[in-house]
Amino acid sequence: MADDKSNAAEYWKANVRLIFGCLAVWAFVSYGCAILFRPLLAGIPVGGTDLGFWFAQQGSILTFIVLIFFYAWRMNKLDAKFGLGE
């Protein structure tokens, strides 16, 4: 019983760590690159516009989609590690 509780606590800790990591990447790309660092990225041309604008319009959306697939892949590995696979 105690082993199940410690296993569940480890699983939840790993899950929360993964969520916070994904949120940190999302926040950096969405707010950092698109808003805070936009003046620094303004001189880099991408697709006819500057990189800061590109991150605000396209980059944050594409990063979010990549994060969805990354999270699903890592959670499947985490589930398999703890014996909770489908």
PDB file of N, CA and C in Angstrom:
ATOM      1  N   MET A   1       0.828  -1.196   0.000  1.00  0.00           N
ATOM      2  CA  MET A   1       0.000   0.000   0.000  1.00  0.00           C
ATOM      3  C   MET A   1       0.871   1.258   0.000  1.00  0.00           C
ATOM      4  N   ALA A   2       1.890   1.279   0.857  1.00  0.00           N
ATOM      5  CA  ALA A   2       2.780   2.441   0.912  1.00  0.00           C
ATOM      6  C   ALA A   2       3.559   2.583  -0.393  1.00  0.00           C
ATOM      7  N   ASP A   3       3.895   1.431  -0.997  1.00  0.00           N
ATOM      8  CA  ASP A   3       4.621   1.467  -2.262  1.00  0.00           C
ATOM      9  C   ASP A   3       3.762   2.072  -3.371  1.00  0.00           C
ATOM     10  N   ASP A   4       2.456   1.746  -3.372  1.00  0.00           N
ATOM     11  CA  ASP A   4       1.537   2.321  -4.361  1.00  0.00           C
ATOM     12  C   ASP A   4       1.428   3.835  -4.198  1.00  0.00           C
ATOM     13  N   LYS A   5       1.381   4.287  -2.941  1.00  0.00           N
ATOM     14  CA  LYS A   5       1.270   5.726  -2.686  1.00  0.00           C
ATOM     15  C   LYS A   5       2.537   6.453  -3.107  1.00  0.00           C
ATOM     16  N   SER A   6       3.700   5.856  -2.850  1.00  0.00           N
ATOM     17  CA  SER A   6       4.948   6.507  -3.247  1.00  0.00           C
ATOM     18  C   SER A   6       5.096   6.482  -4.764  1.00  0.00           C
ATOM     19  N   ASN A   7       4.645   5.391  -5.396  1.00  0.00           N
ATOM     20  CA  ASN A   7       4.671   5.297  -6.851  1.00  0.00           C
ATOM     21  C   ASN A   7       3.743   6.344  -7.466  1.00  0.00           C
ATOM     22  N   ALA A   8       2.566   6.529  -6.886  1.00  0.00           N
ATOM     23  CA  ALA A   8       1.617   7.530  -7.374  1.00  0.00           C
ATOM     24  C   ALA A   8       2.178   8.938  -7.175  1.00  0.00           C
ATOM     25  N   ALA A   9       2.833   9.171  -6.060  1.00  0.00           N
ATOM     26  CA  ALA A   9       3.427  10.487  -5.802  1.00  0.00           C
ATOM     27  C   ALA A   9       4.560  10.776  -6.787  1.00  0.00           C
ATOM     28  N   GLU A  10       5.371   9.773  -7.097  1.00  0.00           N
ATOM     29  CA  GLU A  10       6.446   9.939  -8.079  1.00  0.00           C
ATOM     30  C   GLU A  10       5.878  10.230  -9.467  1.00  0.00           C
ATOM     31  N   TYR A  11       4.834   9.506  -9.833  1.00  0.00           N
ATOM     32  CA  TYR A  11       4.185   9.702 -11.123  1.00  0.00           C
ATOM     33  C   TYR A  11       3.634  11.123 -11.226  1.00  0.00           C
ATOM     34  N   TRP A  12       2.942  11.562 -10.194  1.00  0.00           N
ATOM     35  CA  TRP A  12       2.352  12.894 -10.212  1.00  0.00           C
ATOM     36  C   TRP A  12       3.436  13.972 -10.250  1.00  0.00           C
ATOM     37  N   LYS A  13       4.525  13.760  -9.509  1.00  0.00           N
ATOM     38  CA  LYS A  13       5.631  14.717  -9.508  1.00  0.00           C
ATOM     39  C   LYS A  13       6.247  14.831 -10.905  1.00  0.00           C
ATOM     40  N   ALA A  14       6.440  13.712 -11.581  1.00  0.00           N
ATOM     41  CA  ALA A  14       6.990  13.724 -12.931  1.00  0.00           C
ATOM     42  C   ALA A  14       6.020  14.389 -13.903  1.00  0.00           C
ATOM     43  N   ASN A  15       4.739  14.147 -13.737  1.00  0.00           N
ATOM     44  CA  ASN A  15       3.716  14.747 -14.587  1.00  0.00           C
ATOM     45  C   ASN A  15       3.700  16.267 -14.423  1.00  0.00           C
ATOM     46  N   VAL A  16       3.727  16.738 -13.195  1.00  0.00           N
ATOM     47  CA  VAL A  16       3.708  18.179 -12.930  1.00  0.00           C
ATOM     48  C   VAL A  16       4.987  18.834 -13.452  1.00  0.00           C
ATOM     49  N   ARG A  17       6.115  18.173 -13.303  1.00  0.00           N
ATOM     50  CA  ARG A  17       7.380  18.709 -13.822  1.00  0.00           C
ATOM     51  C   ARG A  17       7.301  18.854 -15.351  1.00  0.00           C
ATOM     52  N   LEU A  18       6.721  17.881 -16.013  1.00  0.00           N
ATOM     53  CA  LEU A  18       6.555  17.938 -17.468  1.00  0.00           C
ATOM     54  C   LEU A  18       5.622  19.086 -17.863  1.00  0.00           C
ATOM     55  N   ILE A  19       4.531  19.246 -17.145  1.00  0.00           N
ATOM     56  CA  ILE A  19       3.586  20.327 -17.424  1.00  0.00           C
ATOM     57  C   ILE A  19       4.260  21.686 -17.262  1.00  0.00           C
ATOM     58  N   PHE A  20       4.994  21.877 -16.161  1.00  0.00           N
ATOM     59  CA  PHE A  20       5.660  23.161 -15.941  1.00  0.00           C
ATOM     60  C   PHE A  20       6.745  23.421 -16.986  1.00  0.00           C
ATOM     61  N   GLY A  21       7.431  22.382 -17.423  1.00  0.00           N
ATOM     62  CA  GLY A  21       8.421  22.552 -18.487  1.00  0.00           C
ATOM     63  C   GLY A  21       7.780  23.006 -19.788  1.00  0.00           C
ATOM     64  N   CYS A  22       6.654  22.378 -20.142  1.00  0.00           N
ATOM     65  CA  CYS A  22       5.934  22.775 -21.356  1.00  0.00           C
ATOM     66  C   CYS A  22       5.391  24.192 -21.232  1.00  0.00           C
ATOM     67  N   LEU A  23       4.875  24.543 -20.054  1.00  0.00           N
ATOM     68  CA  LEU A  23       4.371  25.899 -19.853  1.00  0.00           C
ATOM     69  C   LEU A  23       5.486  26.933 -19.939  1.00  0.00           C
ATOM     70  N   ALA A  24       6.672  26.597 -19.450  1.00  0.00           N
ATOM     71  CA  ALA A  24       7.806  27.522 -19.517  1.00  0.00           C
ATOM     72  C   ALA A  24       8.209  27.774 -20.967  1.00  0.00           C
ATOM     73  N   VAL A  25       8.250  26.729 -21.783  1.00  0.00           N
ATOM     74  CA  VAL A  25       8.581  26.891 -23.201  1.00  0.00           C
ATOM     75  C   VAL A  25       7.502  27.718 -23.888  1.00  0.00           C
ATOM     76  N   TRP A  26       6.244  27.412 -23.621  1.00  0.00           N
ATOM     77  CA  TRP A  26       5.139  28.153 -24.227  1.00  0.00           C
ATOM     78  C   TRP A  26       5.195  29.630 -23.838  1.00  0.00           C
ATOM     79  N   ALA A  27       5.428  29.927 -22.554  1.00  0.00           N
ATOM     80  CA  ALA A  27       5.486  31.313 -22.092  1.00  0.00           C
ATOM     81  C   ALA A  27       6.664  32.047 -22.721  1.00  0.00           C
ATOM     82  N   PHE A  28       7.806  31.389 -22.814  1.00  0.00           N
ATOM     83  CA  PHE A  28       8.974  32.033 -23.416  1.00  0.00           C
ATOM     84  C   PHE A  28       8.708  32.395 -24.873  1.00  0.00           C
ATOM     85  N   VAL A  29       8.139  31.469 -25.626  1.00  0.00           N
ATOM     86  CA  VAL A  29       7.888  31.729 -27.046  1.00  0.00           C
ATOM     87  C   VAL A  29       6.760  32.747 -27.219  1.00  0.00           C
ATOM     88  N   SER A  30       5.659  32.566 -26.492  1.00  0.00           N
ATOM     89  CA  SER A  30       4.502  33.438 -26.675  1.00  0.00           C
ATOM     90  C   SER A  30       4.735  34.847 -26.148  1.00  0.00           C
ATOM     91  N   TYR A  31       5.270  34.955 -24.941  1.00  0.00           N
ATOM     92  CA  TYR A  31       5.457  36.274 -24.338  1.00  0.00           C
ATOM     93  C   TYR A  31       6.865  36.814 -24.547  1.00  0.00           C
ATOM     94  N   GLY A  32       7.851  35.942 -24.392  1.00  0.00           N
ATOM     95  CA  GLY A  32       9.235  36.391 -24.520  1.00  0.00           C
ATOM     96  C   GLY A  32       9.580  36.809 -25.927  1.00  0.00           C
ATOM     97  N   CYS A  33       9.465  35.886 -26.868  1.00  0.00           N
ATOM     98  CA  CYS A  33       9.860  36.176 -28.254  1.00  0.00           C
ATOM     99  C   CYS A  33       8.889  37.125 -28.941  1.00  0.00           C
ATOM    100  N   ALA A  34       7.611  37.006 -28.659  1.00  0.00           N
ATOM    101  CA  ALA A  34       6.618  37.804 -29.376  1.00  0.00           C
ATOM    102  C   ALA A  34       6.426  39.196 -28.793  1.00  0.00           C
ATOM    103  N   ILE A  35       6.652  39.379 -27.498  1.00  0.00           N
ATOM    104  CA  ILE A  35       6.368  40.669 -26.872  1.00  0.00           C
ATOM    105  C   ILE A  35       7.628  41.303 -26.283  1.00  0.00           C
ATOM    106  N   LEU A  36       8.269  40.606 -25.364  1.00  0.00           N
ATOM    107  CA  LEU A  36       9.400  41.204 -24.647  1.00  0.00           C
ATOM    108  C   LEU A  36      10.640  41.385 -25.511  1.00  0.00           C
ATOM    109  N   PHE A  37      10.965  40.381 -26.313  1.00  0.00           N
ATOM    110  CA  PHE A  37      12.181  40.434 -27.116  1.00  0.00           C
ATOM    111  C   PHE A  37      11.923  40.895 -28.553  1.00  0.00           C
ATOM    112  N   ARG A  38      10.725  41.370 -28.828  1.00  0.00           N
ATOM    113  CA  ARG A  38      10.406  41.771 -30.202  1.00  0.00           C
ATOM    114  C   ARG A  38      11.335  42.856 -30.730  1.00  0.00           C
ATOM    115  N   PRO A  39      11.662  43.886 -29.950  1.00  0.00           N
ATOM    116  CA  PRO A  39      12.599  44.888 -30.481  1.00  0.00           C
ATOM    117  C   PRO A  39      13.958  44.291 -30.855  1.00  0.00           C
ATOM    118  N   LEU A  40      14.410  43.300 -30.115  1.00  0.00           N
ATOM    119  CA  LEU A  40      15.685  42.667 -30.429  1.00  0.00           C
ATOM    120  C   LEU A  40      15.597  41.789 -31.679  1.00  0.00           C
ATOM    121  N   LEU A  41      14.421  41.230 -31.910  1.00  0.00           N
ATOM    122  CA  LEU A  41      14.235  40.329 -33.051  1.00  0.00           C
ATOM    123  C   LEU A  41      13.747  41.056 -34.301  1.00  0.00           C
ATOM    124  N   ALA A  42      13.535  42.376 -34.207  1.00  0.00           N
ATOM    125  CA  ALA A  42      12.949  43.130 -35.318  1.00  0.00           C
ATOM    126  C   ALA A  42      13.864  43.176 -36.543  1.00  0.00           C
ATOM    127  N   GLY A  43      15.161  43.068 -36.352  1.00  0.00           N
ATOM    128  CA  GLY A  43      16.074  43.164 -37.479  1.00  0.00           C
ATOM    129  C   GLY A  43      16.286  41.876 -38.245  1.00  0.00           C
ATOM    130  N   ILE A  44      15.687  40.785 -37.783  1.00  0.00           N
ATOM    131  CA  ILE A  44      15.879  39.484 -38.430  1.00  0.00           C
ATOM    132  C   ILE A  44      14.676  39.210 -39.339  1.00  0.00           C
ATOM    133  N   PRO A  45      14.892  39.232 -40.666  1.00  0.00           N
ATOM    134  CA  PRO A  45      13.763  39.019 -41.579  1.00  0.00           C
ATOM    135  C   PRO A  45      13.387  37.539 -41.720  1.00  0.00           C
ATOM    136  N   VAL A  46      12.075  37.262 -41.657  1.00  0.00           N
ATOM    137  CA  VAL A  46      11.550  35.904 -41.856  1.00  0.00           C
ATOM    138  C   VAL A  46      10.251  36.035 -42.637  1.00  0.00           C
ATOM    139  N   GLY A  47      10.222  35.464 -43.820  1.00  0.00           N
ATOM    140  CA  GLY A  47       8.991  35.450 -44.622  1.00  0.00           C
ATOM    141  C   GLY A  47       8.441  36.822 -44.944  1.00  0.00           C
ATOM    142  N   GLY A  48       9.295  37.806 -45.156  1.00  0.00           N
ATOM    143  CA  GLY A  48       8.838  39.142 -45.511  1.00  0.00           C
ATOM    144  C   GLY A  48       8.491  40.024 -44.329  1.00  0.00           C
ATOM    145  N   THR A  49       8.682  39.554 -43.124  1.00  0.00           N
ATOM    146  CA  THR A  49       8.418  40.345 -41.923  1.00  0.00           C
ATOM    147  C   THR A  49       9.538  40.098 -40.920  1.00  0.00           C
ATOM    148  N   ASP A  50       9.460  40.733 -39.772  1.00  0.00           N
ATOM    149  CA  ASP A  50      10.522  40.509 -38.786  1.00  0.00           C
ATOM    150  C   ASP A  50      10.204  39.299 -37.904  1.00  0.00           C
ATOM    151  N   LEU A  51      11.237  38.774 -37.277  1.00  0.00           N
ATOM    152  CA  LEU A  51      11.098  37.536 -36.489  1.00  0.00           C
ATOM    153  C   LEU A  51      10.165  37.705 -35.290  1.00  0.00           C
ATOM    154  N   GLY A  52      10.173  38.869 -34.653  1.00  0.00           N
ATOM    155  CA  GLY A  52       9.276  39.104 -33.510  1.00  0.00           C
ATOM    156  C   GLY A  52       7.819  39.019 -33.912  1.00  0.00           C
ATOM    157  N   PHE A  53       7.472  39.639 -35.042  1.00  0.00           N
ATOM    158  CA  PHE A  53       6.099  39.565 -35.545  1.00  0.00           C
ATOM    159  C   PHE A  53       5.754  38.130 -35.934  1.00  0.00           C
ATOM    160  N   TRP A  54       6.711  37.424 -36.554  1.00  0.00           N
ATOM    161  CA  TRP A  54       6.469  36.041 -36.947  1.00  0.00           C
ATOM    162  C   TRP A  54       6.157  35.174 -35.731  1.00  0.00           C
ATOM    163  N   PHE A  55       6.923  35.351 -34.631  1.00  0.00           N
ATOM    164  CA  PHE A  55       6.640  34.583 -33.419  1.00  0.00           C
ATOM    165  C   PHE A  55       5.260  34.910 -32.875  1.00  0.00           C
ATOM    166  N   ALA A  56       4.881  36.179 -32.942  1.00  0.00           N
ATOM    167  CA  ALA A  56       3.562  36.566 -32.429  1.00  0.00           C
ATOM    168  C   ALA A  56       2.442  35.961 -33.257  1.00  0.00           C
ATOM    169  N   GLN A  57       2.624  35.863 -34.570  1.00  0.00           N
ATOM    170  CA  GLN A  57       1.555  35.397 -35.440  1.00  0.00           C
ATOM    171  C   GLN A  57       1.593  33.897 -35.725  1.00  0.00           C
ATOM    172  N   GLN A  58       2.766  33.359 -35.992  1.00  0.00           N
ATOM    173  CA  GLN A  58       2.876  31.974 -36.424  1.00  0.00           C
ATOM    174  C   GLN A  58       3.663  31.107 -35.444  1.00  0.00           C
ATOM    175  N   GLY A  59       4.762  31.622 -34.985  1.00  0.00           N
ATOM    176  CA  GLY A  59       5.688  30.825 -34.179  1.00  0.00           C
ATOM    177  C   GLY A  59       5.081  30.296 -32.895  1.00  0.00           C
ATOM    178  N   SER A  60       4.298  31.127 -32.203  1.00  0.00           N
ATOM    179  CA  SER A  60       3.700  30.666 -30.951  1.00  0.00           C
ATOM    180  C   SER A  60       2.666  29.571 -31.197  1.00  0.00           C
ATOM    181  N   ILE A  61       1.932  29.665 -32.300  1.00  0.00           N
ATOM    182  CA  ILE A  61       0.939  28.634 -32.624  1.00  0.00           C
ATOM    183  C   ILE A  61       1.635  27.324 -32.984  1.00  0.00           C
ATOM    184  N   LEU A  62       2.656  27.416 -33.825  1.00  0.00           N
ATOM    185  CA  LEU A  62       3.391  26.202 -34.212  1.00  0.00           C
ATOM    186  C   LEU A  62       4.087  25.571 -33.010  1.00  0.00           C
ATOM    187  N   THR A  63       4.642  26.397 -32.141  1.00  0.00           N
ATOM    188  CA  THR A  63       5.282  25.880 -30.927  1.00  0.00           C
ATOM    189  C   THR A  63       4.259  25.181 -30.044  1.00  0.00           C
ATOM    190  N   PHE A  64       3.064  25.744 -29.919  1.00  0.00           N
ATOM    191  CA  PHE A  64       2.019  25.128 -29.119  1.00  0.00           C
ATOM    192  C   PHE A  64       1.631  23.760 -29.679  1.00  0.00           C
ATOM    193  N   ILE A  65       1.517  23.654 -30.994  1.00  0.00           N
ATOM    194  CA  ILE A  65       1.183  22.360 -31.618  1.00  0.00           C
ATOM    195  C   ILE A  65       2.287  21.344 -31.360  1.00  0.00           C
ATOM    196  N   VAL A  66       3.546  21.766 -31.490  1.00  0.00           N
ATOM    197  CA  VAL A  66       4.672  20.874 -31.207  1.00  0.00           C
ATOM    198  C   VAL A  66       4.651  20.444 -29.738  1.00  0.00           C
ATOM    199  N   LEU A  67       4.330  21.375 -28.838  1.00  0.00           N
ATOM    200  CA  LEU A  67       4.261  21.036 -27.414  1.00  0.00           C
ATOM    201  C   LEU A  67       3.163  20.018 -27.124  1.00  0.00           C
ATOM    202  N   ILE A  68       2.058  20.076 -27.824  1.00  0.00           N
ATOM    203  CA  ILE A  68       0.983  19.096 -27.637  1.00  0.00           C
ATOM    204  C   ILE A  68       1.482  17.690 -27.965  1.00  0.00           C
ATOM    205  N   PHE A  69       2.145  17.550 -29.113  1.00  0.00           N
ATOM    206  CA  PHE A  69       2.660  16.239 -29.501  1.00  0.00           C
ATOM    207  C   PHE A  69       3.784  15.781 -28.578  1.00  0.00           C
ATOM    208  N   PHE A  70       4.645  16.711 -28.156  1.00  0.00           N
ATOM    209  CA  PHE A  70       5.722  16.374 -27.229  1.00  0.00           C
ATOM    210  C   PHE A  70       5.150  15.892 -25.899  1.00  0.00           C
ATOM    211  N   TYR A  71       4.131  16.599 -25.377  1.00  0.00           N
ATOM    212  CA  TYR A  71       3.517  16.209 -24.108  1.00  0.00           C
ATOM    213  C   TYR A  71       2.881  14.818 -24.211  1.00  0.00           C
ATOM    214  N   ALA A  72       2.174  14.558 -25.295  1.00  0.00           N
ATOM    215  CA  ALA A  72       1.546  13.241 -25.477  1.00  0.00           C
ATOM    216  C   ALA A  72       2.601  12.141 -25.547  1.00  0.00           C
ATOM    217  N   TRP A  73       3.684  12.389 -26.272  1.00  0.00           N
ATOM    218  CA  TRP A  73       4.772  11.402 -26.385  1.00  0.00           C
ATOM    219  C   TRP A  73       5.418  11.142 -25.035  1.00  0.00           C
ATOM    220  N   ARG A  74       5.733  12.204 -24.286  1.00  0.00           N
ATOM    221  CA  ARG A  74       6.374  12.037 -22.978  1.00  0.00           C
ATOM    222  C   ARG A  74       5.431  11.376 -21.972  1.00  0.00           C
ATOM    223  N   MET A  75       4.148  11.699 -22.026  1.00  0.00           N
ATOM    224  CA  MET A  75       3.199  11.082 -21.103  1.00  0.00           C
ATOM    225  C   MET A  75       3.039   9.602 -21.405  1.00  0.00           C
ATOM    226  N   ASN A  76       3.081   9.215 -22.665  1.00  0.00           N
ATOM    227  CA  ASN A  76       3.028   7.791 -22.998  1.00  0.00           C
ATOM    228  C   ASN A  76       4.243   7.070 -22.434  1.00  0.00           C
ATOM    229  N   LYS A  77       5.419   7.687 -22.536  1.00  0.00           N
ATOM    230  CA  LYS A  77       6.618   7.080 -21.958  1.00  0.00           C
ATOM    231  C   LYS A  77       6.522   7.019 -20.435  1.00  0.00           C
ATOM    232  N   LEU A  78       5.988   8.075 -19.827  1.00  0.00           N
ATOM    233  CA  LEU A  78       5.826   8.119 -18.377  1.00  0.00           C
ATOM    234  C   LEU A  78       4.809   7.062 -17.919  1.00  0.00           C
ATOM    235  N   ASP A  79       3.724   6.921 -18.640  1.00  0.00           N
ATOM    236  CA  ASP A  79       2.721   5.901 -18.316  1.00  0.00           C
ATOM    237  C   ASP A  79       3.330   4.501 -18.393  1.00  0.00           C
ATOM    238  N   ALA A  80       4.115   4.269 -19.429  1.00  0.00           N
ATOM    239  CA  ALA A  80       4.753   2.945 -19.576  1.00  0.00           C
ATOM    240  C   ALA A  80       5.747   2.693 -18.446  1.00  0.00           C
ATOM    241  N   LYS A  81       6.465   3.722 -18.047  1.00  0.00           N
ATOM    242  CA  LYS A  81       7.455   3.581 -16.967  1.00  0.00           C
ATOM    243  C   LYS A  81       6.789   3.189 -15.651  1.00  0.00           C
ATOM    244  N   PHE A  82       5.610   3.738 -15.395  1.00  0.00           N
ATOM    245  CA  PHE A  82       4.912   3.457 -14.152  1.00  0.00           C
ATOM    246  C   PHE A  82       3.860   2.362 -14.309  1.00  0.00           C
ATOM    247  N   GLY A  83       3.837   1.688 -15.440  1.00  0.00           N
ATOM    248  CA  GLY A  83       2.902   0.583 -15.630  1.00  0.00           C
ATOM    249  C   GLY A  83       1.467   1.007 -15.836  1.00  0.00           C
ATOM    250  N   LEU A  84       1.267   2.204 -16.385  1.00  0.00           N
ATOM    251  CA  LEU A  84      -0.081   2.698 -16.604  1.00  0.00           C
ATOM    252  C   LEU A  84      -0.411   2.841 -18.078  1.00  0.00           C
ATOM    253  N   GLY A  85       0.335   2.150 -18.922  1.00  0.00           N
ATOM    254  CA  GLY A  85       0.155   2.261 -20.370  1.00  0.00           C
ATOM    255  C   GLY A  85      -1.216   1.778 -20.799  1.00  0.00           C
ATOM    256  N   GLU A  86      -1.572   2.179 -22.001  1.00  0.00           N
ATOM    257  CA  GLU A  86      -2.887   1.801 -22.533  1.00  0.00           C
ATOM    258  C   GLU A  86      -2.924   0.359 -22.932  1.00  0.00           C
TER     259      GLU A  86
END
